[in-house]
Amino acid sequence: MTTDVKPAKPEAKPREHRRGLNISMPQVAAVLVLVLVLWVIIDFNGRIQTEQRISAEADQLSVEVTALAATQSALATELAYVSSDAYVAEWAHRDGRYVQPGEVLVVPVPAEAVTPTPIPRPTPQPTPSSNLQIWLDLFFANGS
């Protein structure tokens, strides 16, 4: 019997097991892409909300500008009237108590503590009813 002894194979190095996470490069790339997409979506949502807020403020400011333009127009009209001779004449008669030639100034003065006299009002007297009328009302009244 022959014993064949095979030459010993060089032993392969045992594969070292990594401890912790076993993540491949495609998985890392997919996570990075997912994070990037989420960041873009969140940023886009923030920009949409900012645009809506700015748009609402622009609408509100437009309404305020319209109201202020109307106020400015009314004040310009009042300024033109106050600058006119008609306003000066009205003020002179009403507040300044000036009179034009031929007019007489009359200033009403309130009376001194005048108390009005009360007017007595007669009170109506009830009309007496007869006993017969009272009995007829009791028996034949329609309930009202």
N, C-alpha and C. Protein backbone atom coordinates (compact mmCIF):
# COMPACT_ATOMS: atom_id res chain seq x y z
N MET A 1 0.78 -1.13 0.00
CA MET A 1 0.00 0.00 0.00
C MET A 1 0.86 1.24 0.00
N THR A 2 0.43 1.93 -0.79
CA THR A 2 1.17 3.18 -0.90
C THR A 2 0.33 4.30 -0.33
N THR A 3 0.92 4.97 0.35
CA THR A 3 0.20 6.12 0.90
C THR A 3 0.67 7.35 0.19
N ASP A 4 -0.25 7.88 -0.38
CA ASP A 4 0.07 9.13 -1.08
C ASP A 4 -0.15 10.28 -0.11
N VAL A 5 0.81 10.88 0.06
CA VAL A 5 0.68 12.06 0.94
C VAL A 5 0.63 13.26 0.03
N LYS A 6 -0.39 13.88 0.17
CA LYS A 6 -0.56 15.07 -0.66
C LYS A 6 0.17 16.22 0.02
N PRO A 7 0.77 16.96 -0.81
CA PRO A 7 1.46 18.09 -0.18
C PRO A 7 0.41 19.01 0.44
N ALA A 8 0.73 19.56 1.49
CA ALA A 8 -0.20 20.43 2.23
C ALA A 8 -0.41 21.71 1.45
N LYS A 9 -1.66 22.00 1.32
CA LYS A 9 -1.99 23.25 0.63
C LYS A 9 -1.72 24.41 1.56
N PRO A 10 -1.28 25.41 0.96
CA PRO A 10 -1.13 26.56 1.85
C PRO A 10 -2.52 26.99 2.29
N GLU A 11 -2.64 27.15 3.53
CA GLU A 11 -3.97 27.47 4.05
C GLU A 11 -4.36 28.88 3.63
N ALA A 12 -5.62 28.97 3.20
CA ALA A 12 -6.12 30.29 2.82
C ALA A 12 -6.35 31.08 4.09
N LYS A 13 -6.10 32.33 3.95
CA LYS A 13 -6.30 33.18 5.11
C LYS A 13 -7.78 33.19 5.45
N PRO A 14 -8.06 33.03 6.67
CA PRO A 14 -9.48 33.13 7.00
C PRO A 14 -9.93 34.58 6.82
N ARG A 15 -11.10 34.67 6.29
CA ARG A 15 -11.67 35.99 6.01
C ARG A 15 -12.03 36.67 7.33
N GLU A 16 -11.57 37.89 7.44
CA GLU A 16 -11.86 38.61 8.66
C GLU A 16 -13.27 39.18 8.57
N HIS A 17 -13.99 38.93 9.58
CA HIS A 17 -15.33 39.50 9.63
C HIS A 17 -15.25 40.90 10.21
N ARG A 18 -15.89 41.81 9.47
CA ARG A 18 -15.93 43.18 9.98
C ARG A 18 -16.95 43.27 11.09
N ARG A 19 -16.58 43.95 12.06
CA ARG A 19 -17.53 44.18 13.12
C ARG A 19 -18.21 45.51 12.88
N GLY A 20 -19.45 45.64 13.25
CA GLY A 20 -20.19 46.88 13.04
C GLY A 20 -21.07 46.75 11.83
N LEU A 21 -21.11 47.83 11.01
CA LEU A 21 -22.02 47.88 9.87
C LEU A 21 -21.36 47.27 8.64
N ASN A 22 -22.11 46.48 7.95
CA ASN A 22 -21.66 45.94 6.67
C ASN A 22 -22.40 46.72 5.60
N ILE A 23 -21.84 47.85 5.17
CA ILE A 23 -22.48 48.71 4.19
C ILE A 23 -21.61 48.76 2.95
N SER A 24 -22.27 48.61 1.81
CA SER A 24 -21.53 48.66 0.56
C SER A 24 -21.59 50.08 -0.01
N MET A 25 -20.79 50.34 -0.97
CA MET A 25 -20.75 51.66 -1.60
C MET A 25 -22.09 52.03 -2.26
N PRO A 26 -22.78 51.13 -2.95
CA PRO A 26 -24.08 51.52 -3.52
C PRO A 26 -25.09 51.91 -2.43
N GLN A 27 -25.01 51.25 -1.28
CA GLN A 27 -25.92 51.61 -0.20
C GLN A 27 -25.60 53.00 0.33
N VAL A 28 -24.33 53.32 0.46
CA VAL A 28 -23.92 54.65 0.91
C VAL A 28 -24.39 55.69 -0.09
N ALA A 29 -24.22 55.40 -1.38
CA ALA A 29 -24.64 56.33 -2.42
C ALA A 29 -26.15 56.53 -2.39
N ALA A 30 -26.91 55.45 -2.18
CA ALA A 30 -28.37 55.55 -2.13
C ALA A 30 -28.81 56.40 -0.94
N VAL A 31 -28.17 56.23 0.21
CA VAL A 31 -28.50 57.03 1.40
C VAL A 31 -28.18 58.50 1.15
N LEU A 32 -27.03 58.77 0.53
CA LEU A 32 -26.67 60.15 0.23
C LEU A 32 -27.66 60.79 -0.74
N VAL A 33 -28.07 60.03 -1.75
CA VAL A 33 -29.05 60.55 -2.71
C VAL A 33 -30.38 60.80 -2.00
N LEU A 34 -30.79 59.90 -1.12
CA LEU A 34 -32.04 60.07 -0.37
C LEU A 34 -31.98 61.30 0.52
N VAL A 35 -30.88 61.50 1.20
CA VAL A 35 -30.71 62.68 2.05
C VAL A 35 -30.75 63.94 1.20
N LEU A 36 -30.09 63.92 0.05
CA LEU A 36 -30.09 65.07 -0.84
C LEU A 36 -31.50 65.38 -1.35
N VAL A 37 -32.26 64.36 -1.73
CA VAL A 37 -33.63 64.55 -2.21
C VAL A 37 -34.51 65.12 -1.10
N LEU A 38 -34.38 64.56 0.12
CA LEU A 38 -35.17 65.09 1.24
C LEU A 38 -34.82 66.55 1.52
N TRP A 39 -33.52 66.89 1.47
CA TRP A 39 -33.10 68.26 1.69
C TRP A 39 -33.70 69.19 0.62
N VAL A 40 -33.70 68.78 -0.64
CA VAL A 40 -34.27 69.58 -1.73
C VAL A 40 -35.78 69.76 -1.52
N ILE A 41 -36.47 68.68 -1.12
CA ILE A 41 -37.93 68.77 -0.91
C ILE A 41 -38.23 69.72 0.24
N ILE A 42 -37.50 69.61 1.34
CA ILE A 42 -37.73 70.50 2.50
C ILE A 42 -37.44 71.95 2.11
N ASP A 43 -36.35 72.19 1.38
CA ASP A 43 -36.02 73.54 0.95
C ASP A 43 -37.08 74.09 0.00
N PHE A 44 -37.56 73.26 -0.90
CA PHE A 44 -38.60 73.68 -1.84
C PHE A 44 -39.89 74.04 -1.09
N ASN A 45 -40.25 73.23 -0.10
CA ASN A 45 -41.43 73.51 0.71
C ASN A 45 -41.28 74.84 1.45
N GLY A 46 -40.11 75.08 2.00
CA GLY A 46 -39.85 76.36 2.69
C GLY A 46 -39.96 77.54 1.74
N ARG A 47 -39.47 77.37 0.54
CA ARG A 47 -39.56 78.46 -0.45
C ARG A 47 -41.01 78.73 -0.86
N ILE A 48 -41.80 77.66 -0.97
CA ILE A 48 -43.22 77.84 -1.32
C ILE A 48 -43.94 78.58 -0.21
N GLN A 49 -43.66 78.22 1.04
CA GLN A 49 -44.30 78.91 2.16
C GLN A 49 -43.87 80.37 2.22
N THR A 50 -42.63 80.65 1.97
CA THR A 50 -42.13 82.02 1.96
C THR A 50 -42.82 82.82 0.85
N GLU A 51 -42.97 82.20 -0.33
CA GLU A 51 -43.63 82.89 -1.45
C GLU A 51 -45.09 83.18 -1.12
N GLN A 52 -45.77 82.25 -0.46
CA GLN A 52 -47.17 82.48 -0.10
C GLN A 52 -47.29 83.61 0.92
N ARG A 53 -46.38 83.65 1.89
CA ARG A 53 -46.39 84.72 2.89
C ARG A 53 -46.12 86.07 2.24
N ILE A 54 -45.15 86.11 1.36
CA ILE A 54 -44.81 87.36 0.67
C ILE A 54 -45.97 87.80 -0.21
N SER A 55 -46.61 86.85 -0.88
CA SER A 55 -47.76 87.18 -1.73
C SER A 55 -48.91 87.75 -0.90
N ALA A 56 -49.18 87.16 0.26
CA ALA A 56 -50.24 87.67 1.13
C ALA A 56 -49.90 89.07 1.63
N GLU A 57 -48.65 89.30 1.99
CA GLU A 57 -48.23 90.63 2.43
C GLU A 57 -48.34 91.63 1.29
N ALA A 58 -48.02 91.22 0.07
CA ALA A 58 -48.12 92.11 -1.08
C ALA A 58 -49.58 92.50 -1.33
N ASP A 59 -50.49 91.54 -1.20
CA ASP A 59 -51.91 91.85 -1.35
C ASP A 59 -52.38 92.83 -0.29
N GLN A 60 -51.95 92.61 0.97
CA GLN A 60 -52.33 93.51 2.06
C GLN A 60 -51.76 94.90 1.82
N LEU A 61 -50.52 94.98 1.39
CA LEU A 61 -49.92 96.28 1.11
C LEU A 61 -50.60 96.97 -0.05
N SER A 62 -51.05 96.21 -1.03
CA SER A 62 -51.78 96.80 -2.16
C SER A 62 -53.08 97.45 -1.68
N VAL A 63 -53.77 96.78 -0.77
CA VAL A 63 -55.00 97.34 -0.22
C VAL A 63 -54.69 98.61 0.57
N GLU A 64 -53.61 98.59 1.36
CA GLU A 64 -53.22 99.76 2.14
C GLU A 64 -52.84 100.92 1.23
N VAL A 65 -52.13 100.62 0.15
CA VAL A 65 -51.73 101.68 -0.79
C VAL A 65 -52.96 102.31 -1.42
N THR A 66 -53.94 101.49 -1.79
CA THR A 66 -55.18 102.02 -2.37
C THR A 66 -55.90 102.92 -1.37
N ALA A 67 -55.98 102.49 -0.11
CA ALA A 67 -56.64 103.30 0.92
C ALA A 67 -55.87 104.59 1.16
N LEU A 68 -54.55 104.52 1.18
CA LEU A 68 -53.75 105.72 1.38
C LEU A 68 -53.86 106.68 0.19
N ALA A 69 -53.98 106.14 -1.01
CA ALA A 69 -54.15 107.01 -2.18
C ALA A 69 -55.49 107.74 -2.10
N ALA A 70 -56.54 107.04 -1.64
CA ALA A 70 -57.85 107.70 -1.47
C ALA A 70 -57.78 108.76 -0.40
N THR A 71 -57.07 108.47 0.70
CA THR A 71 -56.90 109.47 1.77
C THR A 71 -56.13 110.67 1.25
N GLN A 72 -55.10 110.42 0.48
CA GLN A 72 -54.32 111.53 -0.08
C GLN A 72 -55.19 112.39 -0.99
N SER A 73 -56.01 111.76 -1.79
CA SER A 73 -56.89 112.51 -2.68
C SER A 73 -57.88 113.36 -1.88
N ALA A 74 -58.45 112.77 -0.81
CA ALA A 74 -59.40 113.51 0.03
C ALA A 74 -58.70 114.68 0.72
N LEU A 75 -57.48 114.47 1.19
CA LEU A 75 -56.74 115.54 1.86
C LEU A 75 -56.35 116.65 0.87
N ALA A 76 -56.02 116.27 -0.36
CA ALA A 76 -55.69 117.28 -1.37
C ALA A 76 -56.93 118.13 -1.68
N THR A 77 -58.11 117.49 -1.75
CA THR A 77 -59.35 118.23 -1.98
C THR A 77 -59.63 119.17 -0.81
N GLU A 78 -59.44 118.66 0.42
CA GLU A 78 -59.68 119.51 1.60
C GLU A 78 -58.69 120.66 1.65
N LEU A 79 -57.44 120.41 1.29
CA LEU A 79 -56.44 121.48 1.27
C LEU A 79 -56.81 122.56 0.26
N ALA A 80 -57.30 122.14 -0.89
CA ALA A 80 -57.72 123.13 -1.90
C ALA A 80 -58.89 123.96 -1.38
N TYR A 81 -59.83 123.33 -0.66
CA TYR A 81 -60.98 124.08 -0.11
C TYR A 81 -60.53 125.01 1.01
N VAL A 82 -59.64 124.52 1.89
CA VAL A 82 -59.19 125.35 3.01
C VAL A 82 -58.39 126.54 2.50
N SER A 83 -57.75 126.41 1.38
CA SER A 83 -56.97 127.51 0.81
C SER A 83 -57.83 128.53 0.07
N SER A 84 -59.12 128.24 -0.09
CA SER A 84 -59.97 129.13 -0.89
C SER A 84 -60.58 130.24 -0.02
N ASP A 85 -61.09 131.27 -0.70
CA ASP A 85 -61.75 132.38 -0.01
C ASP A 85 -63.06 131.96 0.62
N ALA A 86 -63.74 130.99 0.03
CA ALA A 86 -65.02 130.53 0.57
C ALA A 86 -64.84 129.96 1.97
N TYR A 87 -63.75 129.21 2.20
CA TYR A 87 -63.52 128.66 3.53
C TYR A 87 -63.21 129.77 4.53
N VAL A 88 -62.42 130.74 4.10
CA VAL A 88 -62.08 131.85 4.99
C VAL A 88 -63.35 132.61 5.40
N ALA A 89 -64.25 132.84 4.45
CA ALA A 89 -65.50 133.54 4.76
C ALA A 89 -66.36 132.70 5.70
N GLU A 90 -66.42 131.40 5.48
CA GLU A 90 -67.20 130.52 6.36
C GLU A 90 -66.63 130.52 7.77
N TRP A 91 -65.32 130.43 7.87
CA TRP A 91 -64.70 130.44 9.19
C TRP A 91 -64.94 131.77 9.90
N ALA A 92 -64.83 132.86 9.16
CA ALA A 92 -65.03 134.19 9.77
C ALA A 92 -66.44 134.32 10.33
N HIS A 93 -67.45 133.82 9.65
CA HIS A 93 -68.83 133.93 10.15
C HIS A 93 -69.07 132.95 11.30
N ARG A 94 -68.59 131.73 11.17
CA ARG A 94 -68.90 130.69 12.15
C ARG A 94 -68.05 130.81 13.41
N ASP A 95 -66.74 130.79 13.27
CA ASP A 95 -65.85 130.74 14.44
C ASP A 95 -65.25 132.10 14.79
N GLY A 96 -64.96 132.90 13.80
CA GLY A 96 -64.31 134.18 14.06
C GLY A 96 -65.26 135.27 14.50
N ARG A 97 -66.55 135.07 14.29
CA ARG A 97 -67.61 136.03 14.64
C ARG A 97 -67.38 137.40 13.99
N TYR A 98 -66.93 137.34 12.75
CA TYR A 98 -66.82 138.56 11.97
C TYR A 98 -68.10 138.77 11.19
N VAL A 99 -68.41 140.00 10.92
CA VAL A 99 -69.61 140.31 10.14
C VAL A 99 -69.21 141.12 8.93
N GLN A 100 -69.98 140.99 7.88
CA GLN A 100 -69.75 141.78 6.69
C GLN A 100 -70.51 143.11 6.85
N PRO A 101 -70.16 144.07 6.05
CA PRO A 101 -70.87 145.35 6.16
C PRO A 101 -72.37 145.15 5.95
N GLY A 102 -73.17 145.71 6.84
CA GLY A 102 -74.61 145.60 6.74
C GLY A 102 -75.19 144.47 7.57
N GLU A 103 -74.35 143.59 8.14
CA GLU A 103 -74.83 142.50 8.97
C GLU A 103 -74.75 142.89 10.45
N VAL A 104 -75.57 142.25 11.25
CA VAL A 104 -75.56 142.49 12.69
C VAL A 104 -75.22 141.16 13.36
N LEU A 105 -74.26 141.19 14.27
CA LEU A 105 -73.85 139.99 14.97
C LEU A 105 -74.82 139.72 16.11
N VAL A 106 -75.39 138.54 16.13
CA VAL A 106 -76.30 138.13 17.19
C VAL A 106 -75.69 136.90 17.86
N VAL A 107 -75.48 136.98 19.17
CA VAL A 107 -74.93 135.87 19.93
C VAL A 107 -75.99 135.41 20.91
N PRO A 108 -76.54 134.22 20.75
CA PRO A 108 -77.54 133.75 21.70
C PRO A 108 -76.90 133.44 23.05
N VAL A 109 -77.57 133.88 24.10
CA VAL A 109 -77.10 133.65 25.46
C VAL A 109 -78.13 132.75 26.15
N PRO A 110 -77.70 131.68 26.76
CA PRO A 110 -78.66 130.80 27.43
C PRO A 110 -79.26 131.49 28.65
N ALA A 111 -80.51 131.18 28.94
CA ALA A 111 -81.21 131.78 30.09
C ALA A 111 -80.64 131.21 31.38
N GLU A 112 -80.81 131.95 32.43
CA GLU A 112 -80.30 131.55 33.73
C GLU A 112 -81.17 130.48 34.34
N ALA A 113 -80.74 129.34 34.57
CA ALA A 113 -81.37 128.24 35.30
C ALA A 113 -82.89 128.29 35.28
N VAL A 114 -83.48 128.21 34.14
CA VAL A 114 -84.93 128.19 34.02
C VAL A 114 -85.37 126.73 34.11
N THR A 115 -86.29 126.47 35.03
CA THR A 115 -86.83 125.12 35.13
C THR A 115 -88.22 125.11 34.52
N PRO A 116 -88.46 124.19 33.65
CA PRO A 116 -89.79 124.16 33.04
C PRO A 116 -90.84 123.71 34.06
N THR A 117 -92.03 124.31 33.94
CA THR A 117 -93.12 123.92 34.84
C THR A 117 -93.78 122.67 34.30
N PRO A 118 -93.96 121.67 35.15
CA PRO A 118 -94.59 120.44 34.68
C PRO A 118 -96.07 120.66 34.40
N ILE A 119 -96.53 120.04 33.35
CA ILE A 119 -97.95 120.13 32.98
C ILE A 119 -98.65 118.92 33.56
N PRO A 120 -99.65 119.13 34.44
CA PRO A 120 -100.34 117.98 35.02
C PRO A 120 -101.22 117.31 33.98
N ARG A 121 -101.19 116.00 34.00
CA ARG A 121 -102.01 115.24 33.05
C ARG A 121 -103.13 114.57 33.84
N PRO A 122 -104.32 114.68 33.33
CA PRO A 122 -105.43 114.05 34.06
C PRO A 122 -105.36 112.53 33.90
N THR A 123 -105.63 111.84 35.00
CA THR A 123 -105.64 110.38 34.95
C THR A 123 -107.04 109.91 34.60
N PRO A 124 -107.16 108.97 33.69
CA PRO A 124 -108.50 108.52 33.30
C PRO A 124 -109.14 107.72 34.45
N GLN A 125 -110.42 107.96 34.68
CA GLN A 125 -111.17 107.27 35.71
C GLN A 125 -111.83 106.03 35.10
N PRO A 126 -111.73 104.89 35.76
CA PRO A 126 -112.39 103.70 35.22
C PRO A 126 -113.91 103.85 35.32
N THR A 127 -114.60 103.33 34.30
CA THR A 127 -116.06 103.39 34.31
C THR A 127 -116.60 102.23 35.11
N PRO A 128 -117.49 102.47 36.06
CA PRO A 128 -118.03 101.38 36.87
C PRO A 128 -118.94 100.50 36.02
N SER A 129 -118.85 99.20 36.24
CA SER A 129 -119.69 98.25 35.53
C SER A 129 -120.83 97.82 36.45
N SER A 130 -121.95 97.50 35.83
CA SER A 130 -123.08 97.02 36.63
C SER A 130 -122.88 95.56 36.97
N ASN A 131 -123.57 95.10 38.01
CA ASN A 131 -123.45 93.70 38.41
C ASN A 131 -123.93 92.78 37.31
N LEU A 132 -124.98 93.18 36.59
CA LEU A 132 -125.50 92.36 35.51
C LEU A 132 -124.44 92.19 34.42
N GLN A 133 -123.74 93.25 34.09
CA GLN A 133 -122.69 93.18 33.05
C GLN A 133 -121.55 92.27 33.50
N ILE A 134 -121.19 92.33 34.77
CA ILE A 134 -120.12 91.46 35.29
C ILE A 134 -120.52 90.00 35.18
N TRP A 135 -121.80 89.65 35.55
CA TRP A 135 -122.26 88.26 35.46
C TRP A 135 -122.32 87.81 34.00
N LEU A 136 -122.77 88.65 33.12
CA LEU A 136 -122.84 88.28 31.70
C LEU A 136 -121.43 88.03 31.14
N ASP A 137 -120.48 88.88 31.55
CA ASP A 137 -119.09 88.69 31.08
C ASP A 137 -118.51 87.38 31.61
N LEU A 138 -118.85 87.02 32.84
CA LEU A 138 -118.33 85.78 33.41
C LEU A 138 -118.87 84.54 32.70
N PHE A 139 -120.16 84.55 32.37
CA PHE A 139 -120.76 83.33 31.79
C PHE A 139 -120.62 83.27 30.28
N PHE A 140 -120.67 84.38 29.60
CA PHE A 140 -120.71 84.36 28.14
C PHE A 140 -119.47 84.94 27.48
N ALA A 141 -118.43 85.22 28.23
CA ALA A 141 -117.20 85.75 27.62
C ALA A 141 -116.52 84.63 26.81
N ASN A 142 -115.87 85.00 25.75
CA ASN A 142 -115.28 83.99 24.87
C ASN A 142 -113.89 83.56 25.33
N GLY A 143 -113.54 83.76 26.58
CA GLY A 143 -112.30 83.23 27.14
C GLY A 143 -111.10 84.11 26.93
N SER A 144 -111.21 85.28 26.43
CA SER A 144 -110.03 86.09 26.22
C SER A 144 -109.90 87.19 27.21
